Amino acid sequence: MATIARIYQAQFDRSPTQTLALTNGTLSAVGDICAQTIELFVLLLTELCLLVPCLAVRLHIRIIKSAHDLRGRNYDVSRTLRFIAFGVGMGPLIGRWNRFLETAFPLRSAGGKVSFRSLAKRVAADQTIMAPVGMALFVSSMGIMEGRTFSQVSQKYRDMFIPAMVANWKVWPAVQFVNFRFMPLPYRVPFQSSCGVFWTVYLSLLNANNKAASA
């Protein structure tokens, strides 16, 4: 782990923008791979339950409503590529945003003590400005990359934005509190992206369900 950290730090010092783009793109891909694996596993489990009805009772498994939308599906490479593209684009943007927060809300005063008021302002700014902007970029960019029309992207935005933001505000304020308080600036995007693997799983599943529903 220490070796990986040294390699990352050296790459970040040489080319921060490219390093953040590559790191975020890679972790976004990991999130979507996990999401698609879960979807295909659910499909397999559902088919097993249909073949052996008592299996569902014995294992207390509920067959999800959207399972029929997954039938006949294989792994979608293009979907993962879309997540990579989004992650690559967002990495440098989040890096610059973190730099802005570092300057706008310095955590340590002249005495070296951490200002929790400044920390709270960082988290509040992140969740009221960057979180909605990032979500809007996600919904619109995914819609465009999927080849949707303007009206379809608008509908996608109406369907996804509020549920995703509500879920975001249940999770990310605590994550960003830890991130801004304890992580050095070069490591904030990797930390956020690592935690974001699970968030990407959620967004990927939400986006896939929305896509299936509107198909």
N, C-alpha and C. Protein backbone atom coordinates (compact mmCIF):
# COMPACT_ATOMS: atom_id res chain seq x y z
N MET A 1 0.82 -1.21 0.00
CA MET A 1 0.00 0.00 0.00
C MET A 1 0.86 1.26 0.00
N ALA A 2 1.96 1.23 0.79
CA ALA A 2 2.86 2.39 0.85
C ALA A 2 3.50 2.63 -0.51
N THR A 3 3.83 1.53 -1.23
CA THR A 3 4.44 1.66 -2.56
C THR A 3 3.45 2.29 -3.54
N ILE A 4 2.19 1.85 -3.48
CA ILE A 4 1.16 2.42 -4.35
C ILE A 4 0.99 3.91 -4.06
N ALA A 5 1.00 4.27 -2.77
CA ALA A 5 0.86 5.68 -2.39
C ALA A 5 2.03 6.51 -2.92
N ARG A 6 3.24 5.96 -2.87
CA ARG A 6 4.41 6.69 -3.38
C ARG A 6 4.31 6.88 -4.89
N ILE A 7 3.89 5.82 -5.59
CA ILE A 7 3.76 5.93 -7.05
C ILE A 7 2.69 6.96 -7.40
N TYR A 8 1.58 6.90 -6.68
CA TYR A 8 0.51 7.86 -6.94
C TYR A 8 0.98 9.29 -6.69
N GLN A 9 1.67 9.52 -5.57
CA GLN A 9 2.13 10.85 -5.22
C GLN A 9 3.10 11.38 -6.28
N ALA A 10 3.99 10.49 -6.76
CA ALA A 10 4.95 10.91 -7.79
C ALA A 10 4.23 11.28 -9.08
N GLN A 11 3.23 10.49 -9.46
CA GLN A 11 2.46 10.79 -10.67
C GLN A 11 1.66 12.08 -10.49
N PHE A 12 1.11 12.27 -9.30
CA PHE A 12 0.32 13.48 -9.03
C PHE A 12 1.21 14.71 -9.09
N ASP A 13 2.42 14.62 -8.54
CA ASP A 13 3.33 15.76 -8.57
C ASP A 13 3.72 16.12 -9.99
N ARG A 14 3.86 15.10 -10.87
CA ARG A 14 4.26 15.37 -12.25
C ARG A 14 3.09 15.89 -13.09
N SER A 15 1.94 15.25 -12.96
CA SER A 15 0.79 15.64 -13.80
C SER A 15 -0.50 15.40 -13.02
N PRO A 16 -0.89 16.36 -12.18
CA PRO A 16 -2.07 16.16 -11.33
C PRO A 16 -3.36 15.95 -12.11
N THR A 17 -3.56 16.70 -13.19
CA THR A 17 -4.82 16.58 -13.94
C THR A 17 -4.99 15.20 -14.53
N GLN A 18 -3.93 14.71 -15.21
CA GLN A 18 -4.00 13.39 -15.82
C GLN A 18 -4.15 12.29 -14.77
N THR A 19 -3.46 12.47 -13.63
CA THR A 19 -3.53 11.46 -12.57
C THR A 19 -4.94 11.37 -11.99
N LEU A 20 -5.56 12.52 -11.74
CA LEU A 20 -6.92 12.51 -11.21
C LEU A 20 -7.91 11.95 -12.22
N ALA A 21 -7.72 12.27 -13.50
CA ALA A 21 -8.61 11.75 -14.54
C ALA A 21 -8.51 10.23 -14.62
N LEU A 22 -7.28 9.72 -14.64
CA LEU A 22 -7.08 8.27 -14.75
C LEU A 22 -7.62 7.55 -13.51
N THR A 23 -7.33 8.11 -12.33
CA THR A 23 -7.78 7.47 -11.09
C THR A 23 -9.30 7.43 -11.01
N ASN A 24 -9.93 8.56 -11.29
CA ASN A 24 -11.39 8.62 -11.20
C ASN A 24 -12.05 7.76 -12.27
N GLY A 25 -11.48 7.76 -13.47
CA GLY A 25 -12.03 6.93 -14.54
C GLY A 25 -11.94 5.45 -14.22
N THR A 26 -10.81 5.04 -13.66
CA THR A 26 -10.62 3.63 -13.30
C THR A 26 -11.61 3.19 -12.22
N LEU A 27 -11.76 4.02 -11.18
CA LEU A 27 -12.66 3.66 -10.09
C LEU A 27 -14.13 3.72 -10.52
N SER A 28 -14.45 4.60 -11.46
CA SER A 28 -15.81 4.62 -12.01
C SER A 28 -16.10 3.33 -12.77
N ALA A 29 -15.09 2.85 -13.49
CA ALA A 29 -15.25 1.58 -14.20
C ALA A 29 -15.47 0.43 -13.22
N VAL A 30 -14.70 0.43 -12.14
CA VAL A 30 -14.85 -0.61 -11.12
C VAL A 30 -16.27 -0.61 -10.56
N GLY A 31 -16.81 0.59 -10.30
CA GLY A 31 -18.17 0.69 -9.78
C GLY A 31 -19.20 0.12 -10.74
N ASP A 32 -19.07 0.43 -12.03
CA ASP A 32 -20.04 -0.09 -12.99
C ASP A 32 -19.88 -1.59 -13.19
N ILE A 33 -18.65 -2.08 -13.17
CA ILE A 33 -18.43 -3.53 -13.28
C ILE A 33 -19.11 -4.24 -12.12
N CYS A 34 -18.96 -3.70 -10.92
CA CYS A 34 -19.64 -4.28 -9.75
C CYS A 34 -21.15 -4.24 -9.93
N ALA A 35 -21.67 -3.11 -10.43
CA ALA A 35 -23.12 -2.97 -10.61
C ALA A 35 -23.65 -3.98 -11.61
N GLN A 36 -22.96 -4.13 -12.74
CA GLN A 36 -23.43 -5.08 -13.75
C GLN A 36 -23.32 -6.52 -13.25
N THR A 37 -22.29 -6.79 -12.47
CA THR A 37 -22.15 -8.12 -11.89
C THR A 37 -23.32 -8.43 -10.97
N ILE A 38 -23.71 -7.42 -10.17
CA ILE A 38 -24.87 -7.59 -9.27
C ILE A 38 -26.13 -7.83 -10.08
N GLU A 39 -26.33 -7.06 -11.14
CA GLU A 39 -27.51 -7.21 -11.97
C GLU A 39 -27.60 -8.62 -12.57
N LEU A 40 -26.47 -9.09 -13.11
CA LEU A 40 -26.46 -10.41 -13.74
C LEU A 40 -26.64 -11.51 -12.70
N PHE A 41 -26.12 -11.29 -11.50
CA PHE A 41 -26.30 -12.25 -10.42
C PHE A 41 -27.77 -12.31 -10.01
N VAL A 42 -28.40 -11.14 -9.92
CA VAL A 42 -29.83 -11.09 -9.59
C VAL A 42 -30.65 -11.82 -10.65
N LEU A 43 -30.28 -11.61 -11.92
CA LEU A 43 -30.96 -12.30 -13.00
C LEU A 43 -30.83 -13.81 -12.86
N LEU A 44 -29.61 -14.28 -12.59
CA LEU A 44 -29.39 -15.71 -12.42
C LEU A 44 -30.18 -16.25 -11.24
N LEU A 45 -30.17 -15.50 -10.14
CA LEU A 45 -30.90 -15.93 -8.95
C LEU A 45 -32.39 -15.97 -9.21
N THR A 46 -32.88 -14.98 -9.95
CA THR A 46 -34.30 -14.93 -10.28
C THR A 46 -34.72 -16.11 -11.13
N GLU A 47 -33.89 -16.44 -12.12
CA GLU A 47 -34.20 -17.58 -12.98
C GLU A 47 -34.20 -18.89 -12.19
N LEU A 48 -33.27 -19.00 -11.24
CA LEU A 48 -33.25 -20.18 -10.38
C LEU A 48 -34.53 -20.28 -9.56
N CYS A 49 -34.99 -19.13 -9.06
CA CYS A 49 -36.22 -19.12 -8.26
C CYS A 49 -37.43 -19.49 -9.09
N LEU A 50 -37.42 -19.08 -10.37
CA LEU A 50 -38.54 -19.43 -11.25
C LEU A 50 -38.52 -20.91 -11.60
N LEU A 51 -37.31 -21.46 -11.73
CA LEU A 51 -37.20 -22.89 -12.04
C LEU A 51 -37.51 -23.75 -10.82
N VAL A 52 -37.07 -23.25 -9.65
CA VAL A 52 -37.29 -23.98 -8.40
C VAL A 52 -38.02 -23.06 -7.44
N PRO A 53 -39.35 -22.96 -7.52
CA PRO A 53 -40.11 -21.99 -6.72
C PRO A 53 -39.83 -22.08 -5.23
N CYS A 54 -39.62 -23.29 -4.72
CA CYS A 54 -39.41 -23.44 -3.27
C CYS A 54 -38.10 -22.80 -2.83
N LEU A 55 -37.17 -22.61 -3.80
CA LEU A 55 -35.87 -22.01 -3.45
C LEU A 55 -36.06 -20.60 -2.91
N ALA A 56 -37.01 -19.88 -3.50
CA ALA A 56 -37.26 -18.51 -3.05
C ALA A 56 -37.76 -18.48 -1.62
N VAL A 57 -38.59 -19.47 -1.27
CA VAL A 57 -39.13 -19.53 0.08
C VAL A 57 -38.04 -19.91 1.07
N ARG A 58 -37.27 -20.92 0.70
CA ARG A 58 -36.24 -21.41 1.60
C ARG A 58 -35.18 -20.35 1.90
N LEU A 59 -34.83 -19.58 0.88
CA LEU A 59 -33.78 -18.57 1.06
C LEU A 59 -34.35 -17.19 1.39
N HIS A 60 -35.70 -17.10 1.47
CA HIS A 60 -36.36 -15.82 1.76
C HIS A 60 -35.95 -14.75 0.75
N ILE A 61 -36.02 -15.10 -0.51
CA ILE A 61 -35.61 -14.19 -1.58
C ILE A 61 -36.84 -13.55 -2.21
N ARG A 62 -36.81 -12.25 -2.33
CA ARG A 62 -37.89 -11.56 -3.05
C ARG A 62 -37.43 -11.35 -4.49
N ILE A 63 -38.25 -11.73 -5.44
CA ILE A 63 -37.92 -11.50 -6.86
C ILE A 63 -38.26 -10.05 -7.19
N ILE A 64 -37.27 -9.29 -7.53
CA ILE A 64 -37.47 -7.86 -7.75
C ILE A 64 -38.28 -7.61 -9.02
N LYS A 65 -39.01 -6.48 -8.99
CA LYS A 65 -39.91 -6.16 -10.10
C LYS A 65 -39.17 -6.01 -11.42
N SER A 66 -37.98 -5.41 -11.35
CA SER A 66 -37.27 -5.10 -12.60
C SER A 66 -36.50 -6.29 -13.16
N ALA A 67 -36.62 -7.44 -12.55
CA ALA A 67 -35.82 -8.58 -12.99
C ALA A 67 -36.13 -8.95 -14.44
N HIS A 68 -37.41 -8.82 -14.85
CA HIS A 68 -37.75 -9.21 -16.22
C HIS A 68 -37.06 -8.32 -17.24
N ASP A 69 -36.69 -7.08 -16.84
CA ASP A 69 -36.01 -6.17 -17.77
C ASP A 69 -34.58 -6.62 -18.04
N LEU A 70 -34.03 -7.48 -17.16
CA LEU A 70 -32.66 -7.92 -17.31
C LEU A 70 -32.53 -9.18 -18.16
N ARG A 71 -33.65 -9.83 -18.46
CA ARG A 71 -33.58 -11.10 -19.16
C ARG A 71 -32.99 -10.92 -20.54
N GLY A 72 -32.13 -11.85 -20.91
CA GLY A 72 -31.48 -11.79 -22.21
C GLY A 72 -30.32 -10.83 -22.26
N ARG A 73 -29.97 -10.25 -21.14
CA ARG A 73 -28.89 -9.27 -21.12
C ARG A 73 -27.55 -9.93 -20.87
N ASN A 74 -26.54 -9.41 -21.52
CA ASN A 74 -25.17 -9.80 -21.25
C ASN A 74 -24.44 -8.59 -20.70
N TYR A 75 -23.17 -8.77 -20.38
CA TYR A 75 -22.40 -7.64 -19.88
C TYR A 75 -22.32 -6.56 -20.93
N ASP A 76 -22.60 -5.32 -20.53
CA ASP A 76 -22.64 -4.17 -21.45
C ASP A 76 -21.33 -3.39 -21.35
N VAL A 77 -20.43 -3.68 -22.28
CA VAL A 77 -19.12 -3.02 -22.27
C VAL A 77 -19.26 -1.52 -22.51
N SER A 78 -20.18 -1.14 -23.41
CA SER A 78 -20.34 0.28 -23.74
C SER A 78 -20.79 1.07 -22.52
N ARG A 79 -21.57 0.45 -21.65
CA ARG A 79 -22.01 1.14 -20.43
C ARG A 79 -20.82 1.44 -19.52
N THR A 80 -19.92 0.48 -19.38
CA THR A 80 -18.72 0.71 -18.58
C THR A 80 -17.86 1.80 -19.20
N LEU A 81 -17.77 1.80 -20.52
CA LEU A 81 -16.99 2.84 -21.20
C LEU A 81 -17.59 4.23 -20.95
N ARG A 82 -18.92 4.29 -20.88
CA ARG A 82 -19.56 5.58 -20.58
C ARG A 82 -19.19 6.05 -19.17
N PHE A 83 -19.16 5.13 -18.23
CA PHE A 83 -18.76 5.49 -16.86
C PHE A 83 -17.31 5.90 -16.79
N ILE A 84 -16.46 5.25 -17.58
CA ILE A 84 -15.05 5.66 -17.63
C ILE A 84 -14.94 7.09 -18.15
N ALA A 85 -15.67 7.37 -19.23
CA ALA A 85 -15.62 8.72 -19.82
C ALA A 85 -16.09 9.77 -18.82
N PHE A 86 -17.18 9.45 -18.11
CA PHE A 86 -17.68 10.39 -17.12
C PHE A 86 -16.67 10.57 -15.99
N GLY A 87 -16.09 9.48 -15.52
CA GLY A 87 -15.11 9.57 -14.43
C GLY A 87 -13.87 10.34 -14.82
N VAL A 88 -13.40 10.12 -16.05
CA VAL A 88 -12.22 10.84 -16.53
C VAL A 88 -12.50 12.34 -16.57
N GLY A 89 -13.68 12.71 -17.01
CA GLY A 89 -14.02 14.13 -17.08
C GLY A 89 -14.22 14.77 -15.72
N MET A 90 -14.78 14.01 -14.78
CA MET A 90 -15.09 14.57 -13.46
C MET A 90 -13.86 14.66 -12.55
N GLY A 91 -12.89 13.77 -12.72
CA GLY A 91 -11.73 13.75 -11.82
C GLY A 91 -11.03 15.10 -11.69
N PRO A 92 -10.59 15.69 -12.81
CA PRO A 92 -9.93 17.01 -12.72
C PRO A 92 -10.86 18.10 -12.19
N LEU A 93 -12.15 18.03 -12.54
CA LEU A 93 -13.10 19.03 -12.06
C LEU A 93 -13.21 18.97 -10.53
N ILE A 94 -13.32 17.76 -9.99
CA ILE A 94 -13.40 17.61 -8.54
C ILE A 94 -12.09 18.05 -7.89
N GLY A 95 -10.97 17.77 -8.55
CA GLY A 95 -9.68 18.21 -8.02
C GLY A 95 -9.59 19.73 -7.90
N ARG A 96 -10.05 20.43 -8.93
CA ARG A 96 -10.04 21.90 -8.88
C ARG A 96 -11.03 22.43 -7.85
N TRP A 97 -12.15 21.76 -7.71
CA TRP A 97 -13.13 22.15 -6.70
C TRP A 97 -12.52 22.00 -5.30
N ASN A 98 -11.83 20.90 -5.06
CA ASN A 98 -11.18 20.70 -3.76
C ASN A 98 -10.12 21.77 -3.49
N ARG A 99 -9.42 22.18 -4.55
CA ARG A 99 -8.42 23.24 -4.39
C ARG A 99 -9.10 24.55 -4.01
N PHE A 100 -10.24 24.82 -4.64
CA PHE A 100 -11.00 26.03 -4.31
C PHE A 100 -11.45 26.00 -2.85
N LEU A 101 -11.99 24.87 -2.40
CA LEU A 101 -12.43 24.75 -1.01
C LEU A 101 -11.28 24.92 -0.04
N GLU A 102 -10.12 24.42 -0.42
CA GLU A 102 -8.94 24.55 0.43
C GLU A 102 -8.58 26.01 0.64
N THR A 103 -8.73 26.81 -0.41
CA THR A 103 -8.40 28.24 -0.33
C THR A 103 -9.52 29.04 0.32
N ALA A 104 -10.75 28.72 -0.04
CA ALA A 104 -11.89 29.50 0.45
C ALA A 104 -12.17 29.27 1.93
N PHE A 105 -11.96 28.04 2.39
CA PHE A 105 -12.27 27.68 3.79
C PHE A 105 -11.08 26.97 4.43
N PRO A 106 -10.01 27.73 4.73
CA PRO A 106 -8.84 27.10 5.36
C PRO A 106 -9.20 26.50 6.72
N LEU A 107 -8.75 25.28 6.95
CA LEU A 107 -9.14 24.58 8.17
C LEU A 107 -8.35 25.00 9.39
N ARG A 108 -7.11 25.39 9.19
CA ARG A 108 -6.25 25.69 10.34
C ARG A 108 -5.98 27.19 10.45
N SER A 109 -6.12 27.68 11.65
CA SER A 109 -5.82 29.08 11.92
C SER A 109 -4.32 29.22 12.18
N ALA A 110 -3.91 30.42 12.56
CA ALA A 110 -2.49 30.66 12.83
C ALA A 110 -1.97 29.77 13.95
N GLY A 111 -2.82 29.42 14.90
CA GLY A 111 -2.41 28.57 16.01
C GLY A 111 -2.34 27.10 15.66
N GLY A 112 -2.77 26.74 14.46
CA GLY A 112 -2.70 25.35 14.02
C GLY A 112 -3.91 24.51 14.38
N LYS A 113 -4.90 25.08 15.07
CA LYS A 113 -6.08 24.32 15.45
C LYS A 113 -7.04 24.22 14.27
N VAL A 114 -7.72 23.09 14.21
CA VAL A 114 -8.69 22.87 13.14
C VAL A 114 -9.97 23.63 13.45
N SER A 115 -10.44 24.40 12.47
CA SER A 115 -11.69 25.13 12.61
C SER A 115 -12.84 24.26 12.11
N PHE A 116 -13.66 23.77 13.02
CA PHE A 116 -14.78 22.94 12.61
C PHE A 116 -15.86 23.76 11.91
N ARG A 117 -15.86 25.06 12.15
CA ARG A 117 -16.78 25.92 11.41
C ARG A 117 -16.41 25.95 9.93
N SER A 118 -15.11 26.07 9.65
CA SER A 118 -14.65 26.05 8.25
C SER A 118 -14.89 24.68 7.62
N LEU A 119 -14.70 23.64 8.41
CA LEU A 119 -14.94 22.29 7.91
C LEU A 119 -16.41 22.11 7.55
N ALA A 120 -17.29 22.61 8.41
CA ALA A 120 -18.73 22.52 8.13
C ALA A 120 -19.09 23.32 6.88
N LYS A 121 -18.43 24.47 6.70
CA LYS A 121 -18.69 25.28 5.50
C LYS A 121 -18.24 24.55 4.24
N ARG A 122 -17.11 23.85 4.34
CA ARG A 122 -16.64 23.07 3.19
C ARG A 122 -17.66 22.00 2.80
N VAL A 123 -18.10 21.26 3.80
CA VAL A 123 -19.06 20.19 3.53
C VAL A 123 -20.37 20.78 2.99
N ALA A 124 -20.82 21.88 3.58
CA ALA A 124 -22.07 22.50 3.13
C ALA A 124 -21.95 22.99 1.69
N ALA A 125 -20.81 23.64 1.37
CA ALA A 125 -20.61 24.11 0.00
C ALA A 125 -20.55 22.95 -0.98
N ASP A 126 -19.88 21.90 -0.57
CA ASP A 126 -19.75 20.73 -1.45
C ASP A 126 -21.11 20.11 -1.74
N GLN A 127 -21.95 20.01 -0.71
CA GLN A 127 -23.22 19.32 -0.86
C GLN A 127 -24.32 20.19 -1.47
N THR A 128 -24.18 21.50 -1.39
CA THR A 128 -25.20 22.38 -1.97
C THR A 128 -24.82 22.90 -3.36
N ILE A 129 -23.53 22.81 -3.70
CA ILE A 129 -23.09 23.31 -5.01
C ILE A 129 -22.59 22.16 -5.89
N MET A 130 -21.50 21.51 -5.46
CA MET A 130 -20.89 20.50 -6.31
C MET A 130 -21.74 19.24 -6.46
N ALA A 131 -22.41 18.81 -5.38
CA ALA A 131 -23.21 17.59 -5.48
C ALA A 131 -24.33 17.72 -6.52
N PRO A 132 -25.14 18.79 -6.49
CA PRO A 132 -26.17 18.93 -7.53
C PRO A 132 -25.59 19.11 -8.94
N VAL A 133 -24.48 19.87 -9.02
CA VAL A 133 -23.85 20.06 -10.33
C VAL A 133 -23.34 18.73 -10.88
N GLY A 134 -22.67 17.96 -10.02
CA GLY A 134 -22.17 16.66 -10.44
C GLY A 134 -23.28 15.72 -10.86
N MET A 135 -24.38 15.74 -10.12
CA MET A 135 -25.51 14.88 -10.47
C MET A 135 -26.14 15.30 -11.79
N ALA A 136 -26.28 16.61 -11.99
CA ALA A 136 -26.83 17.10 -13.26
C ALA A 136 -25.93 16.70 -14.43
N LEU A 137 -24.61 16.81 -14.24
CA LEU A 137 -23.66 16.41 -15.28
C LEU A 137 -23.76 14.92 -15.56
N PHE A 138 -23.93 14.13 -14.50
CA PHE A 138 -24.05 12.68 -14.68
C PHE A 138 -25.28 12.33 -15.51
N VAL A 139 -26.42 12.87 -15.11
CA VAL A 139 -27.67 12.53 -15.79
C VAL A 139 -27.62 12.97 -17.26
N SER A 140 -27.17 14.20 -17.50
CA SER A 140 -27.16 14.71 -18.86
C SER A 140 -26.11 14.00 -19.73
N SER A 141 -24.91 13.78 -19.19
CA SER A 141 -23.86 13.15 -19.99
C SER A 141 -24.20 11.70 -20.31
N MET A 142 -24.78 10.99 -19.33
CA MET A 142 -25.19 9.61 -19.60
C MET A 142 -26.30 9.57 -20.66
N GLY A 143 -27.24 10.49 -20.57
CA GLY A 143 -28.30 10.54 -21.56
C GLY A 143 -27.77 10.81 -22.95
N ILE A 144 -26.84 11.74 -23.05
CA ILE A 144 -26.25 12.08 -24.36
C ILE A 144 -25.45 10.90 -24.91
N MET A 145 -24.63 10.29 -24.06
CA MET A 145 -23.81 9.16 -24.52
C MET A 145 -24.65 7.95 -24.89
N GLU A 146 -25.85 7.85 -24.31
CA GLU A 146 -26.76 6.76 -24.66
C GLU A 146 -27.55 7.06 -25.93
N GLY A 147 -27.36 8.27 -26.49
CA GLY A 147 -28.01 8.63 -27.74
C GLY A 147 -29.44 9.09 -27.57
N ARG A 148 -29.78 9.60 -26.40
CA ARG A 148 -31.16 10.05 -26.15
C ARG A 148 -31.40 11.44 -26.75
N THR A 149 -32.65 11.74 -27.01
CA THR A 149 -33.04 13.06 -27.47
C THR A 149 -33.10 14.02 -26.28
N PHE A 150 -33.26 15.31 -26.58
CA PHE A 150 -33.34 16.31 -25.51
C PHE A 150 -34.51 16.03 -24.58
N SER A 151 -35.66 15.69 -25.15
CA SER A 151 -36.83 15.42 -24.31
C SER A 151 -36.62 14.18 -23.45
N GLN A 152 -35.93 13.18 -23.98
CA GLN A 152 -35.64 11.97 -23.20
C GLN A 152 -34.66 12.25 -22.08
N VAL A 153 -33.66 13.09 -22.36
CA VAL A 153 -32.71 13.47 -21.31
C VAL A 153 -33.43 14.26 -20.22
N SER A 154 -34.34 15.14 -20.63
CA SER A 154 -35.11 15.92 -19.66
C SER A 154 -35.95 15.01 -18.77
N GLN A 155 -36.57 14.01 -19.38
CA GLN A 155 -37.36 13.05 -18.62
C GLN A 155 -36.48 12.23 -17.68
N LYS A 156 -35.32 11.86 -18.16
CA LYS A 156 -34.35 11.12 -17.34
C LYS A 156 -33.96 11.96 -16.14
N TYR A 157 -33.75 13.24 -16.37
CA TYR A 157 -33.39 14.16 -15.29
C TYR A 157 -34.51 14.22 -14.25
N ARG A 158 -35.76 14.33 -14.72
CA ARG A 158 -36.89 14.41 -13.79
C ARG A 158 -37.05 13.12 -13.00
N ASP A 159 -36.78 11.99 -13.64
CA ASP A 159 -36.95 10.70 -12.97
C ASP A 159 -35.83 10.40 -11.97
N MET A 160 -34.60 10.80 -12.31
CA MET A 160 -33.44 10.37 -11.53
C MET A 160 -32.95 11.37 -10.50
N PHE A 161 -33.07 12.67 -10.81
CA PHE A 161 -32.34 13.67 -10.04
C PHE A 161 -32.72 13.68 -8.56
N ILE A 162 -33.99 13.81 -8.27
CA ILE A 162 -34.43 13.92 -6.87
C ILE A 162 -34.09 12.66 -6.06
N PRO A 163 -34.45 11.44 -6.55
CA PRO A 163 -34.08 10.25 -5.77
C PRO A 163 -32.58 10.13 -5.52
N ALA A 164 -31.79 10.47 -6.55
CA ALA A 164 -30.34 10.36 -6.40
C ALA A 164 -29.80 11.39 -5.41
N MET A 165 -30.34 12.61 -5.43
CA MET A 165 -29.86 13.64 -4.51
C MET A 165 -30.25 13.33 -3.08
N VAL A 166 -31.45 12.79 -2.88
CA VAL A 166 -31.87 12.40 -1.53
C VAL A 166 -30.93 11.33 -0.99
N ALA A 167 -30.61 10.34 -1.84
CA ALA A 167 -29.67 9.29 -1.42
C ALA A 167 -28.29 9.88 -1.16
N ASN A 168 -27.88 10.83 -1.99
CA ASN A 168 -26.58 11.49 -1.83
C ASN A 168 -26.46 12.16 -0.47
N TRP A 169 -27.49 12.89 -0.08
CA TRP A 169 -27.44 13.65 1.18
C TRP A 169 -27.53 12.75 2.41
N LYS A 170 -27.91 11.50 2.22
CA LYS A 170 -27.91 10.56 3.34
C LYS A 170 -26.52 9.99 3.59
N VAL A 171 -25.66 10.05 2.58
CA VAL A 171 -24.37 9.36 2.67
C VAL A 171 -23.17 10.31 2.62
N TRP A 172 -23.17 11.21 1.63
CA TRP A 172 -21.95 11.94 1.31
C TRP A 172 -21.53 13.02 2.29
N PRO A 173 -22.42 13.67 3.02
CA PRO A 173 -21.92 14.64 4.00
C PRO A 173 -20.93 14.01 5.00
N ALA A 174 -21.24 12.81 5.49
CA ALA A 174 -20.33 12.15 6.44
C ALA A 174 -19.02 11.76 5.75
N VAL A 175 -19.11 11.27 4.51
CA VAL A 175 -17.90 10.89 3.77
C VAL A 175 -17.01 12.11 3.54
N GLN A 176 -17.62 13.20 3.13
CA GLN A 176 -16.83 14.40 2.85
C GLN A 176 -16.29 15.05 4.12
N PHE A 177 -16.99 14.90 5.22
CA PHE A 177 -16.45 15.38 6.49
C PHE A 177 -15.13 14.70 6.80
N VAL A 178 -15.09 13.38 6.65
CA VAL A 178 -13.85 12.63 6.87
C VAL A 178 -12.80 13.02 5.83
N ASN A 179 -13.23 13.14 4.58
CA ASN A 179 -12.32 13.47 3.49
C ASN A 179 -11.64 14.81 3.71
N PHE A 180 -12.42 15.85 3.97
CA PHE A 180 -11.86 17.19 4.14
C PHE A 180 -11.05 17.33 5.42
N ARG A 181 -11.42 16.56 6.43
CA ARG A 181 -10.73 16.68 7.72
C ARG A 181 -9.40 15.94 7.76
N PHE A 182 -9.35 14.77 7.16
CA PHE A 182 -8.19 13.91 7.39
C PHE A 182 -7.32 13.65 6.16
N MET A 183 -7.87 13.82 4.95
CA MET A 183 -7.09 13.46 3.76
C MET A 183 -6.31 14.66 3.22
N PRO A 184 -5.02 14.48 2.90
CA PRO A 184 -4.27 15.55 2.22
C PRO A 184 -4.90 15.85 0.86
N LEU A 185 -4.70 17.05 0.38
CA LEU A 185 -5.33 17.49 -0.87
C LEU A 185 -5.13 16.53 -2.05
N PRO A 186 -3.90 16.03 -2.30
CA PRO A 186 -3.74 15.13 -3.47
C PRO A 186 -4.52 13.84 -3.38
N TYR A 187 -4.91 13.44 -2.16
CA TYR A 187 -5.56 12.15 -1.97
C TYR A 187 -7.08 12.27 -1.80
N ARG A 188 -7.62 13.47 -1.90
CA ARG A 188 -9.05 13.63 -1.68
C ARG A 188 -9.88 13.04 -2.80
N VAL A 189 -9.45 13.25 -4.04
CA VAL A 189 -10.19 12.65 -5.15
C VAL A 189 -10.10 11.12 -5.12
N PRO A 190 -8.91 10.52 -4.92
CA PRO A 190 -8.87 9.05 -4.80
C PRO A 190 -9.72 8.51 -3.65
N PHE A 191 -9.69 9.20 -2.50
CA PHE A 191 -10.50 8.75 -1.38
C PHE A 191 -11.98 8.84 -1.73
N GLN A 192 -12.37 9.97 -2.30
CA GLN A 192 -13.76 10.16 -2.69
C GLN A 192 -14.17 9.14 -3.75
N SER A 193 -13.26 8.88 -4.69
CA SER A 193 -13.57 7.93 -5.75
C SER A 193 -13.64 6.50 -5.23
N SER A 194 -12.80 6.18 -4.24
CA SER A 194 -12.83 4.84 -3.64
C SER A 194 -14.16 4.62 -2.93
N CYS A 195 -14.57 5.61 -2.12
CA CYS A 195 -15.90 5.52 -1.49
C CYS A 195 -16.98 5.55 -2.57
N GLY A 196 -16.67 6.27 -3.64
CA GLY A 196 -17.64 6.42 -4.72
C GLY A 196 -17.87 5.17 -5.54
N VAL A 197 -17.03 4.13 -5.35
CA VAL A 197 -17.29 2.87 -6.04
C VAL A 197 -18.69 2.37 -5.69
N PHE A 198 -19.02 2.44 -4.40
CA PHE A 198 -20.34 1.99 -3.96
C PHE A 198 -21.43 2.94 -4.47
N TRP A 199 -21.11 4.22 -4.51
CA TRP A 199 -22.05 5.21 -5.04
C TRP A 199 -22.26 4.99 -6.53
N THR A 200 -21.18 4.65 -7.24
CA THR A 200 -21.29 4.36 -8.67
C THR A 200 -22.16 3.15 -8.91
N VAL A 201 -22.06 2.14 -8.04
CA VAL A 201 -22.94 0.97 -8.13
C VAL A 201 -24.39 1.42 -8.06
N TYR A 202 -24.69 2.30 -7.09
CA TYR A 202 -26.06 2.80 -6.94
C TYR A 202 -26.50 3.58 -8.18
N LEU A 203 -25.66 4.51 -8.64
CA LEU A 203 -26.02 5.31 -9.81
C LEU A 203 -26.17 4.45 -11.05
N SER A 204 -25.29 3.48 -11.19
CA SER A 204 -25.34 2.61 -12.36
C SER A 204 -26.63 1.81 -12.38
N LEU A 205 -27.01 1.27 -11.22
CA LEU A 205 -28.26 0.51 -11.13
C LEU A 205 -29.47 1.42 -11.36
N LEU A 206 -29.42 2.63 -10.78
CA LEU A 206 -30.52 3.58 -10.97
C LEU A 206 -30.64 3.98 -12.43
N ASN A 207 -29.50 4.26 -13.06
CA ASN A 207 -29.48 4.66 -14.46
C ASN A 207 -29.98 3.52 -15.35
N ALA A 208 -29.56 2.29 -15.05
CA ALA A 208 -29.98 1.13 -15.84
C ALA A 208 -31.48 0.88 -15.70
N ASN A 209 -31.99 1.00 -14.48
CA ASN A 209 -33.43 0.81 -14.26
C ASN A 209 -34.24 1.89 -14.99
N ASN A 210 -33.73 3.13 -14.94
CA ASN A 210 -34.40 4.22 -15.63
C ASN A 210 -34.38 4.01 -17.13
N LYS A 211 -33.25 3.52 -17.64
CA LYS A 211 -33.13 3.26 -19.07
C LYS A 211 -34.07 2.16 -19.51
N ALA A 212 -34.16 1.09 -18.69
CA ALA A 212 -35.05 -0.02 -19.01
C ALA A 212 -36.51 0.41 -18.98
N ALA A 213 -36.84 1.25 -18.01
CA ALA A 213 -38.23 1.69 -17.87
C ALA A 213 -38.68 2.57 -19.02
N SER A 214 -37.73 3.35 -19.57
CA SER A 214 -38.09 4.27 -20.64
C SER A 214 -37.90 3.66 -22.03
N ALA A 215 -37.36 2.44 -22.07
CA ALA A 215 -37.11 1.80 -23.38
C ALA A 215 -38.42 1.40 -24.06
